[in-house]
Amino acid sequence: MSGTLTEAIEIIWDRKRRYTDEDVIEHAGLVVEAAIKNGTLAIRTHVDIDTVGGLKPLKGVLSLREKYKDVMTMQPVAFPQEGIIKDPGCDKLMDEAMQMGCDIVGGMPANENTPDDSLAHVKFCFDLAEKYDADVDMHVDETDDPFYRTLEMVANETISRGWEGRVTAGHTCALAAYDDHYAAYVIEKVARAGIHMITNPVTNLMLQGRNDKQPIRRGITRVKELLEAGVNVSFGQDCVNDTFYPLGSADMLQVANVTVHAAQMSLPPELEKVFDMITYDAAKILELEKYGLDEGCTANLVAIDAENIREAMAQAPNRPYVIREGEIIVRNERTTEFNF
């Protein structure tokens, strides 16, 4: 009814309680196959870990990872969407999730009742990451309210723990709402901490600024300023056909198109950079080994029926071949017939 992030989370509660492995494999499998068809061969996915659904969502995703292991690299993130401090028992579930096979420790520190609880949330996540020698990938300040300032907490903790280069912050919408002075201060810390940043433009544009009158805020983070500061920035699909986002087709060229518009990256070098953000820059975040076109790299390749990068992002064209480790795993055909 409201179209807000809070309502979307609440609607999902009932579904999470009733999840089965078969549900997850069926529904998420459609997204995995769409992603493969469109040329994505590696996914990092945040799996809700909380006392609402327990570990049901994770069990389904782990089964999904096993089913598609020969064609898709999948990195599940243990994600406490309902908070940790305000969801007693979640801390034990998070530990169990890492034991079960999650690759990454997630977090959502803004979803706590006080700044002190948010800081405790961050510290718990880093404790868990140290225990399992895991990277951290948090949803950070997914709000257009400048009161929320957990990105600085994450940057401070990254530096104090020596976890530089191993932390990713997603969304960071509040960074766009900060005044320029504080935003520059935080961006400098983010750069010093070597934090990777992920913007999710389709969902952020949809959910943020819902209560604004004109002018309505864009909602996405400060992409250009982060890039200028030397921060590694990428972007995600985030959601497909759910309470958060009713569209989406797991096509990163489509999301690239939205990023070009939302971040106003339309100059020729900027278009090249947006394409880098879903290839080389994303590979850095996922720590994919032997990624690229040099001799000795893994023979993964997506053929795009376009003359150049601009055309690829403008038209989301056919991808006739998707190749994984030297084998063609997808053939796509698209034909047009004019009758005039």
C-alpha atoms as a PDB file:
ATOM      1  CA  MET A   1       0.000   0.000   0.000  1.00  0.00           C
ATOM      2  CA  SER A   2       2.810   2.444   0.822  1.00  0.00           C
ATOM      3  CA  GLY A   3       5.523   1.147  -1.502  1.00  0.00           C
ATOM      4  CA  THR A   4       8.122   1.680   1.232  1.00  0.00           C
ATOM      5  CA  LEU A   5      11.062  -0.473   2.303  1.00  0.00           C
ATOM      6  CA  THR A   6       9.559  -1.029   5.756  1.00  0.00           C
ATOM      7  CA  GLU A   7       6.286  -2.368   4.385  1.00  0.00           C
ATOM      8  CA  ALA A   8       8.094  -4.611   1.903  1.00  0.00           C
ATOM      9  CA  ILE A   9      10.064  -6.239   4.745  1.00  0.00           C
ATOM     10  CA  GLU A  10       6.893  -6.781   6.788  1.00  0.00           C
ATOM     11  CA  ILE A  11       5.017  -8.419   3.907  1.00  0.00           C
ATOM     12  CA  ILE A  12       7.804 -10.966   3.488  1.00  0.00           C
ATOM     13  CA  TRP A  13       7.577 -12.158   7.124  1.00  0.00           C
ATOM     14  CA  ASP A  14       4.736 -14.572   6.438  1.00  0.00           C
ATOM     15  CA  ARG A  15       6.455 -15.988   3.356  1.00  0.00           C
ATOM     16  CA  LYS A  16       9.705 -16.588   5.224  1.00  0.00           C
ATOM     17  CA  ARG A  17       7.919 -18.671   7.866  1.00  0.00           C
ATOM     18  CA  ARG A  18       6.553 -20.992   5.162  1.00  0.00           C
ATOM     19  CA  TYR A  19       9.575 -21.379   2.880  1.00  0.00           C
ATOM     20  CA  THR A  20      10.607 -24.861   1.762  1.00  0.00           C
ATOM     21  CA  ASP A  21      13.712 -25.879  -0.183  1.00  0.00           C
ATOM     22  CA  GLU A  22      11.460 -26.570  -3.144  1.00  0.00           C
ATOM     23  CA  ASP A  23       9.973 -23.052  -2.997  1.00  0.00           C
ATOM     24  CA  VAL A  24      13.381 -21.416  -3.074  1.00  0.00           C
ATOM     25  CA  ILE A  25      14.751 -23.663  -5.808  1.00  0.00           C
ATOM     26  CA  GLU A  26      11.689 -23.070  -7.978  1.00  0.00           C
ATOM     27  CA  HIS A  27      11.410 -19.298  -7.594  1.00  0.00           C
ATOM     28  CA  ALA A  28      15.067 -18.352  -7.193  1.00  0.00           C
ATOM     29  CA  GLY A  29      15.962 -20.873  -9.891  1.00  0.00           C
ATOM     30  CA  LEU A  30      14.038 -18.763 -12.391  1.00  0.00           C
ATOM     31  CA  VAL A  31      16.226 -15.789 -11.490  1.00  0.00           C
ATOM     32  CA  VAL A  32      19.438 -17.829 -11.706  1.00  0.00           C
ATOM     33  CA  GLU A  33      18.514 -19.132 -15.137  1.00  0.00           C
ATOM     34  CA  ALA A  34      17.537 -15.651 -16.337  1.00  0.00           C
ATOM     35  CA  ALA A  35      20.893 -14.343 -15.111  1.00  0.00           C
ATOM     36  CA  ILE A  36      22.792 -17.102 -16.917  1.00  0.00           C
ATOM     37  CA  LYS A  37      20.803 -16.486 -20.105  1.00  0.00           C
ATOM     38  CA  ASN A  38      21.786 -12.819 -19.902  1.00  0.00           C
ATOM     39  CA  GLY A  39      25.449 -13.597 -19.327  1.00  0.00           C
ATOM     40  CA  THR A  40      25.900 -13.402 -15.554  1.00  0.00           C
ATOM     41  CA  LEU A  41      28.036 -16.276 -14.264  1.00  0.00           C
ATOM     42  CA  ALA A  42      28.603 -15.184 -10.659  1.00  0.00           C
ATOM     43  CA  ILE A  43      26.076 -14.004  -8.070  1.00  0.00           C
ATOM     44  CA  ARG A  44      26.460 -12.750  -4.514  1.00  0.00           C
ATOM     45  CA  THR A  45      23.109 -13.093  -2.770  1.00  0.00           C
ATOM     46  CA  HIS A  46      21.967 -11.871   0.643  1.00  0.00           C
ATOM     47  CA  VAL A  47      19.953 -14.557   2.434  1.00  0.00           C
ATOM     48  CA  ASP A  48      17.690 -13.516   5.315  1.00  0.00           C
ATOM     49  CA  ILE A  49      18.869 -14.966   8.625  1.00  0.00           C
ATOM     50  CA  ASP A  50      16.494 -14.116  11.473  1.00  0.00           C
ATOM     51  CA  THR A  51      14.088 -15.572  13.996  1.00  0.00           C
ATOM     52  CA  VAL A  52      11.151 -15.087  11.589  1.00  0.00           C
ATOM     53  CA  GLY A  53      12.228 -17.626   8.993  1.00  0.00           C
ATOM     54  CA  GLY A  54      15.067 -19.214  10.915  1.00  0.00           C
ATOM     55  CA  LEU A  55      17.438 -20.966   8.549  1.00  0.00           C
ATOM     56  CA  LYS A  56      14.768 -22.037   6.047  1.00  0.00           C
ATOM     57  CA  PRO A  57      15.760 -19.473   3.395  1.00  0.00           C
ATOM     58  CA  LEU A  58      19.433 -20.462   3.684  1.00  0.00           C
ATOM     59  CA  LYS A  59      18.745 -24.172   3.351  1.00  0.00           C
ATOM     60  CA  GLY A  60      16.894 -23.461   0.133  1.00  0.00           C
ATOM     61  CA  VAL A  61      19.670 -21.249  -1.252  1.00  0.00           C
ATOM     62  CA  LEU A  62      22.345 -23.816  -0.387  1.00  0.00           C
ATOM     63  CA  SER A  63      20.326 -26.420  -2.296  1.00  0.00           C
ATOM     64  CA  LEU A  64      20.049 -23.927  -5.150  1.00  0.00           C
ATOM     65  CA  ARG A  65      23.816 -23.390  -5.156  1.00  0.00           C
ATOM     66  CA  GLU A  66      24.372 -27.141  -5.363  1.00  0.00           C
ATOM     67  CA  LYS A  67      21.901 -27.528  -8.244  1.00  0.00           C
ATOM     68  CA  TYR A  68      23.582 -24.843 -10.360  1.00  0.00           C
ATOM     69  CA  LYS A  69      27.177 -25.343  -9.214  1.00  0.00           C
ATOM     70  CA  ASP A  70      28.418 -26.311 -12.698  1.00  0.00           C
ATOM     71  CA  VAL A  71      27.096 -23.163 -14.377  1.00  0.00           C
ATOM     72  CA  MET A  72      26.891 -20.449 -11.695  1.00  0.00           C
ATOM     73  CA  THR A  73      29.287 -19.271  -8.993  1.00  0.00           C
ATOM     74  CA  MET A  74      27.105 -18.355  -6.020  1.00  0.00           C
ATOM     75  CA  GLN A  75      28.214 -16.603  -2.824  1.00  0.00           C
ATOM     76  CA  PRO A  76      25.523 -16.656  -0.103  1.00  0.00           C
ATOM     77  CA  VAL A  77      25.695 -13.848   2.464  1.00  0.00           C
ATOM     78  CA  ALA A  78      24.311 -14.394   5.984  1.00  0.00           C
ATOM     79  CA  PHE A  79      22.052 -11.345   6.161  1.00  0.00           C
ATOM     80  CA  PRO A  80      20.313 -10.236   9.421  1.00  0.00           C
ATOM     81  CA  GLN A  81      17.600  -8.132   7.822  1.00  0.00           C
ATOM     82  CA  GLU A  82      15.537  -7.921  11.027  1.00  0.00           C
ATOM     83  CA  GLY A  83      18.508  -6.640  13.019  1.00  0.00           C
ATOM     84  CA  ILE A  84      20.668  -8.502  15.525  1.00  0.00           C
ATOM     85  CA  ILE A  85      20.257  -6.651  18.813  1.00  0.00           C
ATOM     86  CA  LYS A  86      16.518  -6.135  18.298  1.00  0.00           C
ATOM     87  CA  ASP A  87      16.037  -9.740  17.092  1.00  0.00           C
ATOM     88  CA  PRO A  88      17.243 -11.838  20.069  1.00  0.00           C
ATOM     89  CA  GLY A  89      18.530 -15.186  18.882  1.00  0.00           C
ATOM     90  CA  CYS A  90      19.679 -13.901  15.503  1.00  0.00           C
ATOM     91  CA  ASP A  91      23.303 -13.867  16.658  1.00  0.00           C
ATOM     92  CA  LYS A  92      23.270 -17.648  17.155  1.00  0.00           C
ATOM     93  CA  LEU A  93      21.530 -18.169  13.809  1.00  0.00           C
ATOM     94  CA  MET A  94      24.180 -16.045  12.086  1.00  0.00           C
ATOM     95  CA  ASP A  95      26.932 -18.221  13.536  1.00  0.00           C
ATOM     96  CA  GLU A  96      25.077 -21.361  12.470  1.00  0.00           C
ATOM     97  CA  ALA A  97      24.588 -19.932   8.976  1.00  0.00           C
ATOM     98  CA  MET A  98      28.343 -19.471   8.580  1.00  0.00           C
ATOM     99  CA  GLN A  99      28.887 -23.049   9.749  1.00  0.00           C
ATOM    100  CA  MET A 100      26.329 -24.283   7.217  1.00  0.00           C
ATOM    101  CA  GLY A 101      28.118 -22.732   4.261  1.00  0.00           C
ATOM    102  CA  CYS A 102      27.577 -18.986   3.917  1.00  0.00           C
ATOM    103  CA  ASP A 103      30.652 -17.408   2.353  1.00  0.00           C
ATOM    104  CA  ILE A 104      30.172 -13.835   3.559  1.00  0.00           C
ATOM    105  CA  VAL A 105      29.017 -12.137   6.778  1.00  0.00           C
ATOM    106  CA  GLY A 106      26.217  -9.670   6.106  1.00  0.00           C
ATOM    107  CA  GLY A 107      24.694  -6.918   8.196  1.00  0.00           C
ATOM    108  CA  MET A 108      22.080  -4.189   8.278  1.00  0.00           C
ATOM    109  CA  PRO A 109      23.175  -1.947  11.151  1.00  0.00           C
ATOM    110  CA  ALA A 110      20.693   0.868  10.445  1.00  0.00           C
ATOM    111  CA  ASN A 111      17.867  -1.538  11.292  1.00  0.00           C
ATOM    112  CA  GLU A 112      18.414  -1.256  15.042  1.00  0.00           C
ATOM    113  CA  ASN A 113      16.684   0.889  17.654  1.00  0.00           C
ATOM    114  CA  THR A 114      19.595   3.163  18.630  1.00  0.00           C
ATOM    115  CA  PRO A 115      23.003   4.226  17.298  1.00  0.00           C
ATOM    116  CA  ASP A 116      24.614   2.281  20.164  1.00  0.00           C
ATOM    117  CA  ASP A 117      22.798  -0.856  19.030  1.00  0.00           C
ATOM    118  CA  SER A 118      23.857  -0.181  15.448  1.00  0.00           C
ATOM    119  CA  LEU A 119      27.486  -0.047  16.579  1.00  0.00           C
ATOM    120  CA  ALA A 120      27.044  -3.297  18.524  1.00  0.00           C
ATOM    121  CA  HIS A 121      25.559  -4.822  15.364  1.00  0.00           C
ATOM    122  CA  VAL A 122      28.631  -3.780  13.339  1.00  0.00           C
ATOM    123  CA  LYS A 123      31.038  -5.113  15.948  1.00  0.00           C
ATOM    124  CA  PHE A 124      29.228  -8.471  16.113  1.00  0.00           C
ATOM    125  CA  CYS A 125      29.447  -8.853  12.344  1.00  0.00           C
ATOM    126  CA  PHE A 126      33.178  -8.178  12.355  1.00  0.00           C
ATOM    127  CA  ASP A 127      33.659 -10.579  15.277  1.00  0.00           C
ATOM    128  CA  LEU A 128      31.922 -13.246  13.207  1.00  0.00           C
ATOM    129  CA  ALA A 129      33.986 -12.389  10.146  1.00  0.00           C
ATOM    130  CA  GLU A 130      37.177 -12.748  12.158  1.00  0.00           C
ATOM    131  CA  LYS A 131      35.996 -16.091  13.555  1.00  0.00           C
ATOM    132  CA  TYR A 132      35.419 -17.531  10.080  1.00  0.00           C
ATOM    133  CA  ASP A 133      38.049 -15.455   8.225  1.00  0.00           C
ATOM    134  CA  ALA A 134      35.264 -14.183   5.993  1.00  0.00           C
ATOM    135  CA  ASP A 135      34.614 -11.013   4.053  1.00  0.00           C
ATOM    136  CA  VAL A 136      31.820  -8.649   5.095  1.00  0.00           C
ATOM    137  CA  ASP A 137      29.020  -7.384   2.844  1.00  0.00           C
ATOM    138  CA  MET A 138      26.440  -5.177   4.569  1.00  0.00           C
ATOM    139  CA  HIS A 139      23.354  -3.249   3.556  1.00  0.00           C
ATOM    140  CA  VAL A 140      24.269   0.150   4.972  1.00  0.00           C
ATOM    141  CA  ASP A 141      21.982   3.134   5.591  1.00  0.00           C
ATOM    142  CA  GLU A 142      19.295   2.105   3.100  1.00  0.00           C
ATOM    143  CA  THR A 143      17.342   5.240   3.873  1.00  0.00           C
ATOM    144  CA  ASP A 144      17.115   8.819   2.673  1.00  0.00           C
ATOM    145  CA  ASP A 145      17.235  10.048   6.291  1.00  0.00           C
ATOM    146  CA  PRO A 146      20.599  11.777   7.005  1.00  0.00           C
ATOM    147  CA  PHE A 147      20.241  10.846  10.683  1.00  0.00           C
ATOM    148  CA  TYR A 148      21.495   7.343   9.887  1.00  0.00           C
ATOM    149  CA  ARG A 149      25.273   7.262   9.874  1.00  0.00           C
ATOM    150  CA  THR A 150      26.335   3.639  10.121  1.00  0.00           C
ATOM    151  CA  LEU A 151      28.610   3.867   7.059  1.00  0.00           C
ATOM    152  CA  GLU A 152      31.156   5.716   9.178  1.00  0.00           C
ATOM    153  CA  MET A 153      30.843   2.983  11.825  1.00  0.00           C
ATOM    154  CA  VAL A 154      31.577   0.325   9.206  1.00  0.00           C
ATOM    155  CA  ALA A 155      34.570   2.279   7.876  1.00  0.00           C
ATOM    156  CA  ASN A 156      36.001   2.766  11.374  1.00  0.00           C
ATOM    157  CA  GLU A 157      35.593  -0.913  12.208  1.00  0.00           C
ATOM    158  CA  THR A 158      37.147  -1.978   8.907  1.00  0.00           C
ATOM    159  CA  ILE A 159      40.277   0.021   9.658  1.00  0.00           C
ATOM    160  CA  SER A 160      40.522  -0.986  13.316  1.00  0.00           C
ATOM    161  CA  ARG A 161      40.158  -4.696  12.457  1.00  0.00           C
ATOM    162  CA  GLY A 162      42.589  -4.594   9.544  1.00  0.00           C
ATOM    163  CA  TRP A 163      39.840  -5.762   7.170  1.00  0.00           C
ATOM    164  CA  GLU A 164      40.735  -3.296   4.399  1.00  0.00           C
ATOM    165  CA  GLY A 165      39.701  -4.565   0.967  1.00  0.00           C
ATOM    166  CA  ARG A 166      37.423  -7.223   2.475  1.00  0.00           C
ATOM    167  CA  VAL A 167      34.309  -5.142   3.153  1.00  0.00           C
ATOM    168  CA  THR A 168      31.457  -4.151   0.857  1.00  0.00           C
ATOM    169  CA  ALA A 169      28.743  -1.612   1.660  1.00  0.00           C
ATOM    170  CA  GLY A 170      25.531  -1.762  -0.334  1.00  0.00           C
ATOM    171  CA  HIS A 171      22.888   0.904  -0.919  1.00  0.00           C
ATOM    172  CA  THR A 172      24.350   3.726   1.303  1.00  0.00           C
ATOM    173  CA  CYS A 173      21.416   5.938   0.293  1.00  0.00           C
ATOM    174  CA  ALA A 174      21.841   8.215   3.303  1.00  0.00           C
ATOM    175  CA  LEU A 175      25.234   9.252   1.945  1.00  0.00           C
ATOM    176  CA  ALA A 176      23.327  11.143  -0.752  1.00  0.00           C
ATOM    177  CA  ALA A 177      21.283  12.913   1.941  1.00  0.00           C
ATOM    178  CA  TYR A 178      24.279  14.086   4.005  1.00  0.00           C
ATOM    179  CA  ASP A 179      25.502  17.645   3.691  1.00  0.00           C
ATOM    180  CA  ASP A 180      28.524  17.878   1.402  1.00  0.00           C
ATOM    181  CA  HIS A 181      31.006  18.425   4.242  1.00  0.00           C
ATOM    182  CA  TYR A 182      30.089  15.284   6.166  1.00  0.00           C
ATOM    183  CA  ALA A 183      29.717  13.273   2.954  1.00  0.00           C
ATOM    184  CA  ALA A 184      33.284  14.164   1.921  1.00  0.00           C
ATOM    185  CA  TYR A 185      34.533  13.243   5.406  1.00  0.00           C
ATOM    186  CA  VAL A 186      32.903   9.798   5.237  1.00  0.00           C
ATOM    187  CA  ILE A 187      33.950   9.138   1.632  1.00  0.00           C
ATOM    188  CA  GLU A 188      37.583   9.782   2.615  1.00  0.00           C
ATOM    189  CA  LYS A 189      37.236   7.162   5.367  1.00  0.00           C
ATOM    190  CA  VAL A 190      35.591   4.718   2.973  1.00  0.00           C
ATOM    191  CA  ALA A 191      38.483   5.146   0.541  1.00  0.00           C
ATOM    192  CA  ARG A 192      41.041   4.722   3.317  1.00  0.00           C
ATOM    193  CA  ALA A 193      39.293   1.552   4.481  1.00  0.00           C
ATOM    194  CA  GLY A 194      39.289   0.119   0.957  1.00  0.00           C
ATOM    195  CA  ILE A 195      35.543  -0.504   1.185  1.00  0.00           C
ATOM    196  CA  HIS A 196      33.821  -1.608  -2.015  1.00  0.00           C
ATOM    197  CA  MET A 197      30.557   0.207  -2.650  1.00  0.00           C
ATOM    198  CA  ILE A 198      27.443  -1.205  -4.330  1.00  0.00           C
ATOM    199  CA  THR A 199      24.581   0.965  -5.470  1.00  0.00           C
ATOM    200  CA  ASN A 200      21.276  -0.654  -6.388  1.00  0.00           C
ATOM    201  CA  PRO A 201      19.714   1.999  -8.591  1.00  0.00           C
ATOM    202  CA  VAL A 202      16.504   0.283  -9.674  1.00  0.00           C
ATOM    203  CA  THR A 203      15.355  -0.470  -6.119  1.00  0.00           C
ATOM    204  CA  ASN A 204      16.763   2.718  -4.600  1.00  0.00           C
ATOM    205  CA  LEU A 205      14.967   4.868  -7.165  1.00  0.00           C
ATOM    206  CA  MET A 206      11.767   2.938  -6.469  1.00  0.00           C
ATOM    207  CA  LEU A 207      11.824   2.989  -2.651  1.00  0.00           C
ATOM    208  CA  GLN A 208      13.640   6.149  -1.600  1.00  0.00           C
ATOM    209  CA  GLY A 209      12.051   9.582  -1.490  1.00  0.00           C
ATOM    210  CA  ARG A 210       8.557   8.071  -1.274  1.00  0.00           C
ATOM    211  CA  ASN A 211       7.397  10.767   1.115  1.00  0.00           C
ATOM    212  CA  ASP A 212       9.068  13.637  -0.718  1.00  0.00           C
ATOM    213  CA  LYS A 213       7.209  16.356  -2.533  1.00  0.00           C
ATOM    214  CA  GLN A 214       8.909  17.909  -5.532  1.00  0.00           C
ATOM    215  CA  PRO A 215      11.836  17.860  -5.973  1.00  0.00           C
ATOM    216  CA  ILE A 216      11.945  14.112  -5.179  1.00  0.00           C
ATOM    217  CA  ARG A 217      15.381  12.776  -4.242  1.00  0.00           C
ATOM    218  CA  ARG A 218      16.978  10.167  -6.480  1.00  0.00           C
ATOM    219  CA  GLY A 219      17.882   7.884  -3.586  1.00  0.00           C
ATOM    220  CA  ILE A 220      21.080   6.407  -5.012  1.00  0.00           C
ATOM    221  CA  THR A 221      24.429   7.009  -3.396  1.00  0.00           C
ATOM    222  CA  ARG A 222      27.108   9.491  -4.513  1.00  0.00           C
ATOM    223  CA  VAL A 223      28.525   7.349  -7.310  1.00  0.00           C
ATOM    224  CA  LYS A 224      30.662   9.970  -9.059  1.00  0.00           C
ATOM    225  CA  GLU A 225      32.152  11.336  -5.849  1.00  0.00           C
ATOM    226  CA  LEU A 226      33.064   7.847  -4.676  1.00  0.00           C
ATOM    227  CA  LEU A 227      34.739   7.081  -8.004  1.00  0.00           C
ATOM    228  CA  GLU A 228      36.640  10.378  -7.863  1.00  0.00           C
ATOM    229  CA  ALA A 229      37.918   9.380  -4.412  1.00  0.00           C
ATOM    230  CA  GLY A 230      39.311   6.123  -5.842  1.00  0.00           C
ATOM    231  CA  VAL A 231      36.645   3.868  -4.316  1.00  0.00           C
ATOM    232  CA  ASN A 232      35.738   0.679  -6.185  1.00  0.00           C
ATOM    233  CA  VAL A 233      32.046   0.983  -7.084  1.00  0.00           C
ATOM    234  CA  SER A 234      29.705  -1.534  -8.669  1.00  0.00           C
ATOM    235  CA  PHE A 235      25.935  -2.000  -8.803  1.00  0.00           C
ATOM    236  CA  GLY A 236      23.426  -4.807  -8.374  1.00  0.00           C
ATOM    237  CA  GLN A 237      20.040  -5.933  -9.588  1.00  0.00           C
ATOM    238  CA  ASP A 238      19.131  -6.194  -5.874  1.00  0.00           C
ATOM    239  CA  CYS A 239      15.569  -7.496  -6.344  1.00  0.00           C
ATOM    240  CA  VAL A 240      13.472  -9.242  -8.997  1.00  0.00           C
ATOM    241  CA  ASN A 241       9.666  -9.336  -8.904  1.00  0.00           C
ATOM    242  CA  ASP A 242       9.139  -9.104  -5.152  1.00  0.00           C
ATOM    243  CA  THR A 243       7.642  -6.731  -2.587  1.00  0.00           C
ATOM    244  CA  PHE A 244      10.660  -4.442  -2.891  1.00  0.00           C
ATOM    245  CA  TYR A 245      10.754  -4.213  -6.683  1.00  0.00           C
ATOM    246  CA  PRO A 246       8.029  -5.511  -9.035  1.00  0.00           C
ATOM    247  CA  LEU A 247      10.187  -5.503 -12.185  1.00  0.00           C
ATOM    248  CA  GLY A 248      13.657  -6.763 -13.056  1.00  0.00           C
ATOM    249  CA  SER A 249      14.895  -9.507 -15.358  1.00  0.00           C
ATOM    250  CA  ALA A 250      18.334 -10.332 -13.904  1.00  0.00           C
ATOM    251  CA  ASP A 251      19.916  -8.504 -16.830  1.00  0.00           C
ATOM    252  CA  MET A 252      22.876  -6.395 -15.776  1.00  0.00           C
ATOM    253  CA  LEU A 253      22.886  -4.492 -19.066  1.00  0.00           C
ATOM    254  CA  GLN A 254      19.384  -3.323 -18.194  1.00  0.00           C
ATOM    255  CA  VAL A 255      20.563  -2.213 -14.746  1.00  0.00           C
ATOM    256  CA  ALA A 256      23.571  -0.550 -16.383  1.00  0.00           C
ATOM    257  CA  ASN A 257      21.140   1.508 -18.454  1.00  0.00           C
ATOM    258  CA  VAL A 258      19.362   2.681 -15.304  1.00  0.00           C
ATOM    259  CA  THR A 259      22.706   3.454 -13.640  1.00  0.00           C
ATOM    260  CA  VAL A 260      23.734   5.647 -16.566  1.00  0.00           C
ATOM    261  CA  HIS A 261      20.545   7.663 -16.082  1.00  0.00           C
ATOM    262  CA  ALA A 262      20.399   7.759 -12.279  1.00  0.00           C
ATOM    263  CA  ALA A 263      24.083   8.564 -11.757  1.00  0.00           C
ATOM    264  CA  GLN A 264      24.156  10.833 -14.827  1.00  0.00           C
ATOM    265  CA  MET A 265      27.149   8.992 -16.295  1.00  0.00           C
ATOM    266  CA  SER A 266      26.524   9.749 -19.957  1.00  0.00           C
ATOM    267  CA  LEU A 267      29.906  11.015 -21.204  1.00  0.00           C
ATOM    268  CA  PRO A 268      31.945   8.517 -23.283  1.00  0.00           C
ATOM    269  CA  PRO A 269      34.505   7.737 -20.524  1.00  0.00           C
ATOM    270  CA  GLU A 270      31.661   7.423 -18.010  1.00  0.00           C
ATOM    271  CA  LEU A 271      29.835   4.909 -20.201  1.00  0.00           C
ATOM    272  CA  GLU A 272      33.037   2.859 -20.338  1.00  0.00           C
ATOM    273  CA  LYS A 273      33.265   3.026 -16.547  1.00  0.00           C
ATOM    274  CA  VAL A 274      29.672   1.843 -16.058  1.00  0.00           C
ATOM    275  CA  PHE A 275      30.507  -1.217 -18.164  1.00  0.00           C
ATOM    276  CA  ASP A 276      33.625  -1.809 -16.043  1.00  0.00           C
ATOM    277  CA  MET A 277      31.428  -1.687 -12.933  1.00  0.00           C
ATOM    278  CA  ILE A 278      29.653  -4.941 -13.907  1.00  0.00           C
ATOM    279  CA  THR A 279      32.771  -6.657 -15.219  1.00  0.00           C
ATOM    280  CA  TYR A 280      36.227  -5.966 -13.803  1.00  0.00           C
ATOM    281  CA  ASP A 281      35.089  -3.905 -10.808  1.00  0.00           C
ATOM    282  CA  ALA A 282      32.471  -6.476  -9.805  1.00  0.00           C
ATOM    283  CA  ALA A 283      35.038  -9.247 -10.164  1.00  0.00           C
ATOM    284  CA  LYS A 284      37.247  -7.463  -7.617  1.00  0.00           C
ATOM    285  CA  ILE A 285      34.406  -7.488  -5.096  1.00  0.00           C
ATOM    286  CA  LEU A 286      33.622 -11.164  -5.688  1.00  0.00           C
ATOM    287  CA  GLU A 287      37.367 -11.947  -5.640  1.00  0.00           C
ATOM    288  CA  LEU A 288      37.038 -13.982  -8.821  1.00  0.00           C
ATOM    289  CA  GLU A 289      40.341 -15.607  -9.707  1.00  0.00           C
ATOM    290  CA  LYS A 290      41.774 -15.484 -13.232  1.00  0.00           C
ATOM    291  CA  TYR A 291      39.147 -13.014 -14.433  1.00  0.00           C
ATOM    292  CA  GLY A 292      39.735 -11.147 -17.667  1.00  0.00           C
ATOM    293  CA  LEU A 293      40.970 -11.537 -21.236  1.00  0.00           C
ATOM    294  CA  ASP A 294      44.641 -12.255 -20.607  1.00  0.00           C
ATOM    295  CA  GLU A 295      46.164 -15.598 -21.497  1.00  0.00           C
ATOM    296  CA  GLY A 296      45.635 -18.023 -18.612  1.00  0.00           C
ATOM    297  CA  CYS A 297      42.384 -16.442 -17.419  1.00  0.00           C
ATOM    298  CA  THR A 298      39.275 -18.582 -17.063  1.00  0.00           C
ATOM    299  CA  ALA A 299      37.557 -19.007 -20.441  1.00  0.00           C
ATOM    300  CA  ASN A 300      34.288 -17.318 -19.494  1.00  0.00           C
ATOM    301  CA  LEU A 301      32.843 -15.131 -22.232  1.00  0.00           C
ATOM    302  CA  VAL A 302      29.593 -13.407 -23.104  1.00  0.00           C
ATOM    303  CA  ALA A 303      29.060 -12.485 -26.754  1.00  0.00           C
ATOM    304  CA  ILE A 304      26.928  -9.346 -27.067  1.00  0.00           C
ATOM    305  CA  ASP A 305      25.250  -8.474 -30.356  1.00  0.00           C
ATOM    306  CA  ALA A 306      26.252  -4.810 -30.291  1.00  0.00           C
ATOM    307  CA  GLU A 307      28.766  -2.598 -32.034  1.00  0.00           C
ATOM    308  CA  ASN A 308      30.074  -1.011 -28.844  1.00  0.00           C
ATOM    309  CA  ILE A 309      29.487  -0.562 -25.124  1.00  0.00           C
ATOM    310  CA  ARG A 310      27.090   2.345 -25.598  1.00  0.00           C
ATOM    311  CA  GLU A 311      24.893   0.258 -27.886  1.00  0.00           C
ATOM    312  CA  ALA A 312      25.069  -2.717 -25.518  1.00  0.00           C
ATOM    313  CA  MET A 313      23.714  -0.667 -22.631  1.00  0.00           C
ATOM    314  CA  ALA A 314      21.236   1.297 -24.728  1.00  0.00           C
ATOM    315  CA  GLN A 315      19.500  -1.689 -26.304  1.00  0.00           C
ATOM    316  CA  ALA A 316      20.078  -4.654 -23.934  1.00  0.00           C
ATOM    317  CA  PRO A 317      20.675  -6.667 -27.124  1.00  0.00           C
ATOM    318  CA  ASN A 318      20.792 -10.394 -27.739  1.00  0.00           C
ATOM    319  CA  ARG A 319      23.642 -12.389 -26.255  1.00  0.00           C
ATOM    320  CA  PRO A 320      24.053 -15.195 -28.834  1.00  0.00           C
ATOM    321  CA  TYR A 321      26.580 -17.156 -26.781  1.00  0.00           C
ATOM    322  CA  VAL A 322      27.319 -17.520 -23.089  1.00  0.00           C
ATOM    323  CA  ILE A 323      30.502 -19.509 -22.517  1.00  0.00           C
ATOM    324  CA  ARG A 324      31.691 -20.928 -19.197  1.00  0.00           C
ATOM    325  CA  GLU A 325      35.123 -22.510 -18.870  1.00  0.00           C
ATOM    326  CA  GLY A 326      35.358 -22.923 -22.617  1.00  0.00           C
ATOM    327  CA  GLU A 327      31.962 -24.559 -23.056  1.00  0.00           C
ATOM    328  CA  ILE A 328      28.909 -22.927 -24.641  1.00  0.00           C
ATOM    329  CA  ILE A 329      26.200 -23.200 -21.975  1.00  0.00           C
ATOM    330  CA  VAL A 330      23.602 -20.879 -23.553  1.00  0.00           C
ATOM    331  CA  ARG A 331      22.623 -20.071 -27.125  1.00  0.00           C
ATOM    332  CA  ASN A 332      20.182 -17.182 -27.547  1.00  0.00           C
ATOM    333  CA  GLU A 333      18.373 -16.301 -30.753  1.00  0.00           C
ATOM    334  CA  ARG A 334      16.409 -13.153 -31.452  1.00  0.00           C
ATOM    335  CA  THR A 335      14.807 -12.503 -34.814  1.00  0.00           C
ATOM    336  CA  THR A 336      12.863  -9.598 -36.249  1.00  0.00           C
ATOM    337  CA  GLU A 337      10.682  -9.652 -39.357  1.00  0.00           C
ATOM    338  CA  PHE A 338       9.371  -6.443 -40.887  1.00  0.00           C
ATOM    339  CA  ASN A 339       6.143  -6.744 -42.842  1.00  0.00           C
ATOM    340  CA  PHE A 340       6.014  -3.405 -44.594  1.00  0.00           C
END
